[in-house]
Amino acid sequence: MNYIISYDIVDDKTRLKLFKILKDYGTHVQFSVFEATLNKKQYNKMLYEINQIKINKSTDSIIIYSLNKLTMKNKLIIGCFSGDQNKSCYVV
């Protein structure tokens, strides 16, 4: 299954912890956004690790979107895509 994980974490230390977890599971595509393709076991492990981080639930958020292959295939990129190894720019 494909996932988009976005987050808004106020505390720098907490945000860095989350970033380090997510980079092991997916591709960093925007400042606070990752894309990941995970099986159920990987997804559950990622969730477990995320839940070990103590976030401030009144100021912070982590949002995980589940996407099917068709949705990911129809992704439209306008501008530079930071998830691309070559940092190429796309013109649409």
PDB file of N, CA and C in Angstrom:
ATOM      1  N   MET A   1       0.852  -1.170   0.000  1.00  0.00           N
ATOM      2  CA  MET A   1       0.000   0.000   0.000  1.00  0.00           C
ATOM      3  C   MET A   1       0.898   1.234   0.000  1.00  0.00           C
ATOM      4  N   ASN A   2       0.405   2.287  -0.610  1.00  0.00           N
ATOM      5  CA  ASN A   2       1.136   3.554  -0.680  1.00  0.00           C
ATOM      6  C   ASN A   2       0.581   4.528   0.362  1.00  0.00           C
ATOM      7  N   TYR A   3       1.470   5.320   0.934  1.00  0.00           N
ATOM      8  CA  TYR A   3       1.085   6.258   1.981  1.00  0.00           C
ATOM      9  C   TYR A   3       1.745   7.608   1.756  1.00  0.00           C
ATOM     10  N   ILE A   4       1.017   8.641   2.143  1.00  0.00           N
ATOM     11  CA  ILE A   4       1.565   9.993   2.267  1.00  0.00           C
ATOM     12  C   ILE A   4       1.512  10.304   3.764  1.00  0.00           C
ATOM     13  N   ILE A   5       2.649  10.680   4.315  1.00  0.00           N
ATOM     14  CA  ILE A   5       2.719  11.026   5.733  1.00  0.00           C
ATOM     15  C   ILE A   5       3.122  12.488   5.824  1.00  0.00           C
ATOM     16  N   SER A   6       2.268  13.274   6.442  1.00  0.00           N
ATOM     17  CA  SER A   6       2.584  14.692   6.641  1.00  0.00           C
ATOM     18  C   SER A   6       2.567  14.985   8.135  1.00  0.00           C
ATOM     19  N   TYR A   7       3.340  15.972   8.509  1.00  0.00           N
ATOM     20  CA  TYR A   7       3.402  16.286   9.934  1.00  0.00           C
ATOM     21  C   TYR A   7       3.658  17.766  10.153  1.00  0.00           C
ATOM     22  N   ASP A   8       3.216  18.225  11.297  1.00  0.00           N
ATOM     23  CA  ASP A   8       3.452  19.595  11.749  1.00  0.00           C
ATOM     24  C   ASP A   8       3.811  19.483  13.226  1.00  0.00           C
ATOM     25  N   ILE A   9       5.083  19.546  13.529  1.00  0.00           N
ATOM     26  CA  ILE A   9       5.587  19.364  14.892  1.00  0.00           C
ATOM     27  C   ILE A   9       6.314  20.640  15.301  1.00  0.00           C
ATOM     28  N   VAL A  10       5.909  21.224  16.405  1.00  0.00           N
ATOM     29  CA  VAL A  10       6.471  22.500  16.861  1.00  0.00           C
ATOM     30  C   VAL A  10       7.895  22.346  17.389  1.00  0.00           C
ATOM     31  N   ASP A  11       8.139  21.339  18.217  1.00  0.00           N
ATOM     32  CA  ASP A  11       9.430  21.163  18.867  1.00  0.00           C
ATOM     33  C   ASP A  11      10.459  20.574  17.899  1.00  0.00           C
ATOM     34  N   ASP A  12      11.615  21.233  17.766  1.00  0.00           N
ATOM     35  CA  ASP A  12      12.656  20.796  16.821  1.00  0.00           C
ATOM     36  C   ASP A  12      13.144  19.377  17.105  1.00  0.00           C
ATOM     37  N   LYS A  13      13.383  19.041  18.378  1.00  0.00           N
ATOM     38  CA  LYS A  13      13.884  17.714  18.745  1.00  0.00           C
ATOM     39  C   LYS A  13      12.877  16.623  18.378  1.00  0.00           C
ATOM     40  N   THR A  14      11.625  16.870  18.670  1.00  0.00           N
ATOM     41  CA  THR A  14      10.573  15.906  18.370  1.00  0.00           C
ATOM     42  C   THR A  14      10.416  15.751  16.861  1.00  0.00           C
ATOM     43  N   ARG A  15      10.462  16.863  16.140  1.00  0.00           N
ATOM     44  CA  ARG A  15      10.349  16.831  14.684  1.00  0.00           C
ATOM     45  C   ARG A  15      11.502  16.051  14.067  1.00  0.00           C
ATOM     46  N   LEU A  16      12.707  16.210  14.588  1.00  0.00           N
ATOM     47  CA  LEU A  16      13.862  15.481  14.087  1.00  0.00           C
ATOM     48  C   LEU A  16      13.727  13.979  14.351  1.00  0.00           C
ATOM     49  N   LYS A  17      13.209  13.609  15.517  1.00  0.00           N
ATOM     50  CA  LYS A  17      12.981  12.188  15.815  1.00  0.00           C
ATOM     51  C   LYS A  17      12.024  11.578  14.793  1.00  0.00           C
ATOM     52  N   LEU A  18      10.943  12.280  14.518  1.00  0.00           N
ATOM     53  CA  LEU A  18       9.974  11.777  13.548  1.00  0.00           C
ATOM     54  C   LEU A  18      10.598  11.688  12.166  1.00  0.00           C
ATOM     55  N   PHE A  19      11.335  12.706  11.771  1.00  0.00           N
ATOM     56  CA  PHE A  19      12.007  12.706  10.470  1.00  0.00           C
ATOM     57  C   PHE A  19      12.908  11.479  10.332  1.00  0.00           C
ATOM     58  N   LYS A  20      13.683  11.181  11.350  1.00  0.00           N
ATOM     59  CA  LYS A  20      14.610  10.043  11.311  1.00  0.00           C
ATOM     60  C   LYS A  20      13.855   8.719  11.162  1.00  0.00           C
ATOM     61  N   ILE A  21      12.714   8.606  11.792  1.00  0.00           N
ATOM     62  CA  ILE A  21      11.893   7.397  11.638  1.00  0.00           C
ATOM     63  C   ILE A  21      11.373   7.303  10.215  1.00  0.00           C
ATOM     64  N   LEU A  22      10.787   8.377   9.731  1.00  0.00           N
ATOM     65  CA  LEU A  22      10.144   8.342   8.418  1.00  0.00           C
ATOM     66  C   LEU A  22      11.136   8.131   7.278  1.00  0.00           C
ATOM     67  N   LYS A  23      12.360   8.636   7.405  1.00  0.00           N
ATOM     68  CA  LYS A  23      13.336   8.455   6.326  1.00  0.00           C
ATOM     69  C   LYS A  23      13.708   6.989   6.144  1.00  0.00           C
ATOM     70  N   ASP A  24      13.501   6.172   7.169  1.00  0.00           N
ATOM     71  CA  ASP A  24      13.755   4.734   7.062  1.00  0.00           C
ATOM     72  C   ASP A  24      12.636   3.999   6.329  1.00  0.00           C
ATOM     73  N   TYR A  25      11.496   4.663   6.152  1.00  0.00           N
ATOM     74  CA  TYR A  25      10.335   4.013   5.550  1.00  0.00           C
ATOM     75  C   TYR A  25       9.934   4.584   4.195  1.00  0.00           C
ATOM     76  N   GLY A  26      10.338   5.795   3.907  1.00  0.00           N
ATOM     77  CA  GLY A  26       9.863   6.403   2.670  1.00  0.00           C
ATOM     78  C   GLY A  26      10.796   7.447   2.114  1.00  0.00           C
ATOM     79  N   THR A  27      10.267   8.190   1.154  1.00  0.00           N
ATOM     80  CA  THR A  27      11.004   9.235   0.461  1.00  0.00           C
ATOM     81  C   THR A  27      10.536  10.598   0.944  1.00  0.00           C
ATOM     82  N   HIS A  28      11.484  11.431   1.303  1.00  0.00           N
ATOM     83  CA  HIS A  28      11.199  12.794   1.755  1.00  0.00           C
ATOM     84  C   HIS A  28      10.913  13.643   0.516  1.00  0.00           C
ATOM     85  N   VAL A  29       9.662  14.069   0.339  1.00  0.00           N
ATOM     86  CA  VAL A  29       9.279  14.770  -0.886  1.00  0.00           C
ATOM     87  C   VAL A  29       8.999  16.262  -0.697  1.00  0.00           C
ATOM     88  N   GLN A  30       8.741  16.671   0.516  1.00  0.00           N
ATOM     89  CA  GLN A  30       8.534  18.084   0.856  1.00  0.00           C
ATOM     90  C   GLN A  30       9.067  18.273   2.273  1.00  0.00           C
ATOM     91  N   PHE A  31       9.073  19.500   2.773  1.00  0.00           N
ATOM     92  CA  PHE A  31       9.632  19.749   4.097  1.00  0.00           C
ATOM     93  C   PHE A  31       9.052  18.825   5.171  1.00  0.00           C
ATOM     94  N   SER A  32       7.769  18.665   5.215  1.00  0.00           N
ATOM     95  CA  SER A  32       7.137  17.836   6.239  1.00  0.00           C
ATOM     96  C   SER A  32       6.253  16.764   5.624  1.00  0.00           C
ATOM     97  N   VAL A  33       6.699  16.206   4.506  1.00  0.00           N
ATOM     98  CA  VAL A  33       5.900  15.201   3.796  1.00  0.00           C
ATOM     99  C   VAL A  33       6.799  14.072   3.294  1.00  0.00           C
ATOM    100  N   PHE A  34       6.353  12.844   3.518  1.00  0.00           N
ATOM    101  CA  PHE A  34       7.021  11.655   3.011  1.00  0.00           C
ATOM    102  C   PHE A  34       6.038  10.836   2.197  1.00  0.00           C
ATOM    103  N   GLU A  35       6.553  10.117   1.195  1.00  0.00           N
ATOM    104  CA  GLU A  35       5.807   9.099   0.472  1.00  0.00           C
ATOM    105  C   GLU A  35       6.423   7.762   0.836  1.00  0.00           C
ATOM    106  N   ALA A  36       5.581   6.744   1.027  1.00  0.00           N
ATOM    107  CA  ALA A  36       6.103   5.421   1.369  1.00  0.00           C
ATOM    108  C   ALA A  36       5.239   4.336   0.755  1.00  0.00           C
ATOM    109  N   THR A  37       5.892   3.264   0.326  1.00  0.00           N
ATOM    110  CA  THR A  37       5.200   2.056  -0.103  1.00  0.00           C
ATOM    111  C   THR A  37       5.564   0.986   0.912  1.00  0.00           C
ATOM    112  N   LEU A  38       4.571   0.534   1.672  1.00  0.00           N
ATOM    113  CA  LEU A  38       4.824  -0.376   2.786  1.00  0.00           C
ATOM    114  C   LEU A  38       3.867  -1.552   2.764  1.00  0.00           C
ATOM    115  N   ASN A  39       4.359  -2.701   3.199  1.00  0.00           N
ATOM    116  CA  ASN A  39       3.446  -3.813   3.443  1.00  0.00           C
ATOM    117  C   ASN A  39       2.862  -3.633   4.841  1.00  0.00           C
ATOM    118  N   LYS A  40       1.948  -4.489   5.211  1.00  0.00           N
ATOM    119  CA  LYS A  40       1.240  -4.329   6.494  1.00  0.00           C
ATOM    120  C   LYS A  40       2.205  -4.378   7.680  1.00  0.00           C
ATOM    121  N   LYS A  41       3.174  -5.286   7.625  1.00  0.00           N
ATOM    122  CA  LYS A  41       4.141  -5.409   8.725  1.00  0.00           C
ATOM    123  C   LYS A  41       4.980  -4.135   8.858  1.00  0.00           C
ATOM    124  N   GLN A  42       5.455  -3.602   7.733  1.00  0.00           N
ATOM    125  CA  GLN A  42       6.239  -2.361   7.757  1.00  0.00           C
ATOM    126  C   GLN A  42       5.404  -1.195   8.269  1.00  0.00           C
ATOM    127  N   TYR A  43       4.156  -1.127   7.805  1.00  0.00           N
ATOM    128  CA  TYR A  43       3.253  -0.052   8.232  1.00  0.00           C
ATOM    129  C   TYR A  43       3.045  -0.104   9.750  1.00  0.00           C
ATOM    130  N   ASN A  44       2.777  -1.292  10.260  1.00  0.00           N
ATOM    131  CA  ASN A  44       2.549  -1.439  11.704  1.00  0.00           C
ATOM    132  C   ASN A  44       3.801  -1.093  12.504  1.00  0.00           C
ATOM    133  N   LYS A  45       4.968  -1.477  11.988  1.00  0.00           N
ATOM    134  CA  LYS A  45       6.224  -1.142  12.674  1.00  0.00           C
ATOM    135  C   LYS A  45       6.441   0.372  12.674  1.00  0.00           C
ATOM    136  N   MET A  46       6.180   1.017  11.535  1.00  0.00           N
ATOM    137  CA  MET A  46       6.315   2.468  11.455  1.00  0.00           C
ATOM    138  C   MET A  46       5.372   3.151  12.450  1.00  0.00           C
ATOM    139  N   LEU A  47       4.113   2.694  12.485  1.00  0.00           N
ATOM    140  CA  LEU A  47       3.152   3.276  13.429  1.00  0.00           C
ATOM    141  C   LEU A  47       3.608   3.106  14.870  1.00  0.00           C
ATOM    142  N   TYR A  48       4.134   1.935  15.187  1.00  0.00           N
ATOM    143  CA  TYR A  48       4.636   1.687  16.535  1.00  0.00           C
ATOM    144  C   TYR A  48       5.737   2.700  16.879  1.00  0.00           C
ATOM    145  N   GLU A  49       6.687   2.878  15.963  1.00  0.00           N
ATOM    146  CA  GLU A  49       7.787   3.813  16.209  1.00  0.00           C
ATOM    147  C   GLU A  49       7.286   5.249  16.332  1.00  0.00           C
ATOM    148  N   ILE A  50       6.345   5.625  15.491  1.00  0.00           N
ATOM    149  CA  ILE A  50       5.770   6.971  15.571  1.00  0.00           C
ATOM    150  C   ILE A  50       5.089   7.179  16.920  1.00  0.00           C
ATOM    151  N   ASN A  51       4.369   6.169  17.368  1.00  0.00           N
ATOM    152  CA  ASN A  51       3.648   6.290  18.644  1.00  0.00           C
ATOM    153  C   ASN A  51       4.566   6.344  19.855  1.00  0.00           C
ATOM    154  N   GLN A  52       5.835   5.983  19.688  1.00  0.00           N
ATOM    155  CA  GLN A  52       6.802   6.085  20.781  1.00  0.00           C
ATOM    156  C   GLN A  52       7.259   7.527  21.000  1.00  0.00           C
ATOM    157  N   ILE A  53       7.038   8.365  19.999  1.00  0.00           N
ATOM    158  CA  ILE A  53       7.404   9.786  20.111  1.00  0.00           C
ATOM    159  C   ILE A  53       6.300  10.501  20.883  1.00  0.00           C
ATOM    160  N   LYS A  54       6.689  11.267  21.856  1.00  0.00           N
ATOM    161  CA  LYS A  54       5.722  12.025  22.652  1.00  0.00           C
ATOM    162  C   LYS A  54       5.483  13.374  21.980  1.00  0.00           C
ATOM    163  N   ILE A  55       4.374  13.477  21.254  1.00  0.00           N
ATOM    164  CA  ILE A  55       4.050  14.756  20.626  1.00  0.00           C
ATOM    165  C   ILE A  55       3.083  15.527  21.520  1.00  0.00           C
ATOM    166  N   ASN A  56       3.032  16.821  21.319  1.00  0.00           N
ATOM    167  CA  ASN A  56       2.081  17.671  22.024  1.00  0.00           C
ATOM    168  C   ASN A  56       0.787  17.653  21.209  1.00  0.00           C
ATOM    169  N   LYS A  57      -0.206  16.934  21.681  1.00  0.00           N
ATOM    170  CA  LYS A  57      -1.434  16.749  20.908  1.00  0.00           C
ATOM    171  C   LYS A  57      -2.274  18.016  20.787  1.00  0.00           C
ATOM    172  N   SER A  58      -1.907  19.055  21.498  1.00  0.00           N
ATOM    173  CA  SER A  58      -2.640  20.316  21.351  1.00  0.00           C
ATOM    174  C   SER A  58      -2.001  21.228  20.301  1.00  0.00           C
ATOM    175  N   THR A  59      -0.747  20.928  19.909  1.00  0.00           N
ATOM    176  CA  THR A  59      -0.076  21.774  18.913  1.00  0.00           C
ATOM    177  C   THR A  59       0.457  21.004  17.701  1.00  0.00           C
ATOM    178  N   ASP A  60       0.670  19.701  17.848  1.00  0.00           N
ATOM    179  CA  ASP A  60       1.319  18.901  16.808  1.00  0.00           C
ATOM    180  C   ASP A  60       0.327  17.969  16.113  1.00  0.00           C
ATOM    181  N   SER A  61       0.676  17.581  14.886  1.00  0.00           N
ATOM    182  CA  SER A  61      -0.151  16.600  14.179  1.00  0.00           C
ATOM    183  C   SER A  61       0.699  15.772  13.233  1.00  0.00           C
ATOM    184  N   ILE A  62       0.271  14.527  13.072  1.00  0.00           N
ATOM    185  CA  ILE A  62       0.841  13.615  12.090  1.00  0.00           C
ATOM    186  C   ILE A  62      -0.357  13.036  11.345  1.00  0.00           C
ATOM    187  N   ILE A  63      -0.347  13.151  10.020  1.00  0.00           N
ATOM    188  CA  ILE A  63      -1.470  12.663   9.222  1.00  0.00           C
ATOM    189  C   ILE A  63      -0.936  11.652   8.216  1.00  0.00           C
ATOM    190  N   ILE A  64      -1.577  10.483   8.163  1.00  0.00           N
ATOM    191  CA  ILE A  64      -1.170   9.426   7.239  1.00  0.00           C
ATOM    192  C   ILE A  64      -2.338   9.149   6.299  1.00  0.00           C
ATOM    193  N   TYR A  65      -2.075   9.327   5.003  1.00  0.00           N
ATOM    194  CA  TYR A  65      -3.076   9.063   3.972  1.00  0.00           C
ATOM    195  C   TYR A  65      -2.732   7.746   3.286  1.00  0.00           C
ATOM    196  N   SER A  66      -3.707   6.867   3.129  1.00  0.00           N
ATOM    197  CA  SER A  66      -3.539   5.624   2.367  1.00  0.00           C
ATOM    198  C   SER A  66      -3.955   5.882   0.928  1.00  0.00           C
ATOM    199  N   LEU A  67      -3.111   5.458  -0.010  1.00  0.00           N
ATOM    200  CA  LEU A  67      -3.391   5.676  -1.423  1.00  0.00           C
ATOM    201  C   LEU A  67      -3.214   4.371  -2.190  1.00  0.00           C
ATOM    202  N   ASN A  68      -4.059   4.167  -3.197  1.00  0.00           N
ATOM    203  CA  ASN A  68      -3.897   2.971  -4.020  1.00  0.00           C
ATOM    204  C   ASN A  68      -2.901   3.254  -5.146  1.00  0.00           C
ATOM    205  N   LYS A  69      -2.521   2.204  -5.891  1.00  0.00           N
ATOM    206  CA  LYS A  69      -1.525   2.357  -6.960  1.00  0.00           C
ATOM    207  C   LYS A  69      -1.988   3.314  -8.043  1.00  0.00           C
ATOM    208  N   LEU A  70      -3.282   3.299  -8.361  1.00  0.00           N
ATOM    209  CA  LEU A  70      -3.800   4.185  -9.397  1.00  0.00           C
ATOM    210  C   LEU A  70      -3.657   5.647  -8.982  1.00  0.00           C
ATOM    211  N   THR A  71      -3.962   5.937  -7.736  1.00  0.00           N
ATOM    212  CA  THR A  71      -3.826   7.308  -7.229  1.00  0.00           C
ATOM    213  C   THR A  71      -2.379   7.770  -7.316  1.00  0.00           C
ATOM    214  N   MET A  72      -1.450   6.912  -6.931  1.00  0.00           N
ATOM    215  CA  MET A  72      -0.034   7.277  -6.989  1.00  0.00           C
ATOM    216  C   MET A  72       0.430   7.443  -8.438  1.00  0.00           C
ATOM    217  N   LYS A  73      -0.097   6.610  -9.320  1.00  0.00           N
ATOM    218  CA  LYS A  73       0.281   6.694 -10.727  1.00  0.00           C
ATOM    219  C   LYS A  73      -0.158   8.024 -11.341  1.00  0.00           C
ATOM    220  N   ASN A  74      -1.268   8.554 -10.865  1.00  0.00           N
ATOM    221  CA  ASN A  74      -1.822   9.802 -11.393  1.00  0.00           C
ATOM    222  C   ASN A  74      -1.294  11.037 -10.684  1.00  0.00           C
ATOM    223  N   LYS A  75      -0.193  10.904  -9.976  1.00  0.00           N
ATOM    224  CA  LYS A  75       0.409  12.027  -9.259  1.00  0.00           C
ATOM    225  C   LYS A  75       0.855  13.095 -10.256  1.00  0.00           C
ATOM    226  N   LEU A  76       0.554  14.327  -9.975  1.00  0.00           N
ATOM    227  CA  LEU A  76       0.960  15.458 -10.813  1.00  0.00           C
ATOM    228  C   LEU A  76       1.972  16.277 -10.031  1.00  0.00           C
ATOM    229  N   ILE A  77       3.119  16.526 -10.628  1.00  0.00           N
ATOM    230  CA  ILE A  77       4.173  17.316  -9.985  1.00  0.00           C
ATOM    231  C   ILE A  77       4.365  18.591 -10.782  1.00  0.00           C
ATOM    232  N   ILE A  78       4.283  19.719 -10.097  1.00  0.00           N
ATOM    233  CA  ILE A  78       4.519  21.023 -10.723  1.00  0.00           C
ATOM    234  C   ILE A  78       5.688  21.650  -9.983  1.00  0.00           C
ATOM    235  N   GLY A  79       6.749  21.961 -10.676  1.00  0.00           N
ATOM    236  CA  GLY A  79       7.918  22.537 -10.035  1.00  0.00           C
ATOM    237  C   GLY A  79       8.934  21.470  -9.686  1.00  0.00           C
ATOM    238  N   CYS A  80       9.853  21.796  -8.792  1.00  0.00           N
ATOM    239  CA  CYS A  80      10.922  20.885  -8.413  1.00  0.00           C
ATOM    240  C   CYS A  80      10.398  19.847  -7.435  1.00  0.00           C
ATOM    241  N   PHE A  81      10.798  18.617  -7.647  1.00  0.00           N
ATOM    242  CA  PHE A  81      10.373  17.505  -6.804  1.00  0.00           C
ATOM    243  C   PHE A  81      11.538  17.107  -5.923  1.00  0.00           C
ATOM    244  N   SER A  82      11.476  17.419  -4.640  1.00  0.00           N
ATOM    245  CA  SER A  82      12.601  17.152  -3.744  1.00  0.00           C
ATOM    246  C   SER A  82      12.813  15.666  -3.513  1.00  0.00           C
ATOM    247  N   GLY A  83      11.852  14.825  -3.848  1.00  0.00           N
ATOM    248  CA  GLY A  83      12.016  13.382  -3.692  1.00  0.00           C
ATOM    249  C   GLY A  83      12.828  12.765  -4.802  1.00  0.00           C
ATOM    250  N   ASP A  84      13.093  13.506  -5.845  1.00  0.00           N
ATOM    251  CA  ASP A  84      13.855  13.014  -6.980  1.00  0.00           C
ATOM    252  C   ASP A  84      15.340  13.102  -6.661  1.00  0.00           C
ATOM    253  N   GLN A  85      16.055  12.012  -6.868  1.00  0.00           N
ATOM    254  CA  GLN A  85      17.488  11.983  -6.568  1.00  0.00           C
ATOM    255  C   GLN A  85      18.251  13.059  -7.331  1.00  0.00           C
ATOM    256  N   ASN A  86      17.804  13.396  -8.534  1.00  0.00           N
ATOM    257  CA  ASN A  86      18.511  14.378  -9.355  1.00  0.00           C
ATOM    258  C   ASN A  86      18.002  15.801  -9.150  1.00  0.00           C
ATOM    259  N   LYS A  87      17.011  15.967  -8.314  1.00  0.00           N
ATOM    260  CA  LYS A  87      16.409  17.275  -8.054  1.00  0.00           C
ATOM    261  C   LYS A  87      15.964  17.949  -9.345  1.00  0.00           C
ATOM    262  N   SER A  88      15.430  17.164 -10.237  1.00  0.00           N
ATOM    263  CA  SER A  88      14.971  17.678 -11.524  1.00  0.00           C
ATOM    264  C   SER A  88      13.720  18.528 -11.352  1.00  0.00           C
ATOM    265  N   CYS A  89      13.521  19.420 -12.277  1.00  0.00           N
ATOM    266  CA  CYS A  89      12.298  20.215 -12.303  1.00  0.00           C
ATOM    267  C   CYS A  89      11.428  19.726 -13.439  1.00  0.00           C
ATOM    268  N   TYR A  90      10.140  19.722 -13.212  1.00  0.00           N
ATOM    269  CA  TYR A  90       9.175  19.273 -14.203  1.00  0.00           C
ATOM    270  C   TYR A  90       8.303  20.439 -14.617  1.00  0.00           C
ATOM    271  N   VAL A  91       8.047  20.559 -15.870  1.00  0.00           N
ATOM    272  CA  VAL A  91       7.155  21.583 -16.365  1.00  0.00           C
ATOM    273  C   VAL A  91       5.906  20.892 -16.874  1.00  0.00           C
ATOM    274  N   VAL A  92       4.752  21.315 -16.370  1.00  0.00           N
ATOM    275  CA  VAL A  92       3.477  20.706 -16.755  1.00  0.00           C
ATOM    276  C   VAL A  92       2.669  21.712 -17.540  1.00  0.00           C
TER     277      VAL A  92
END
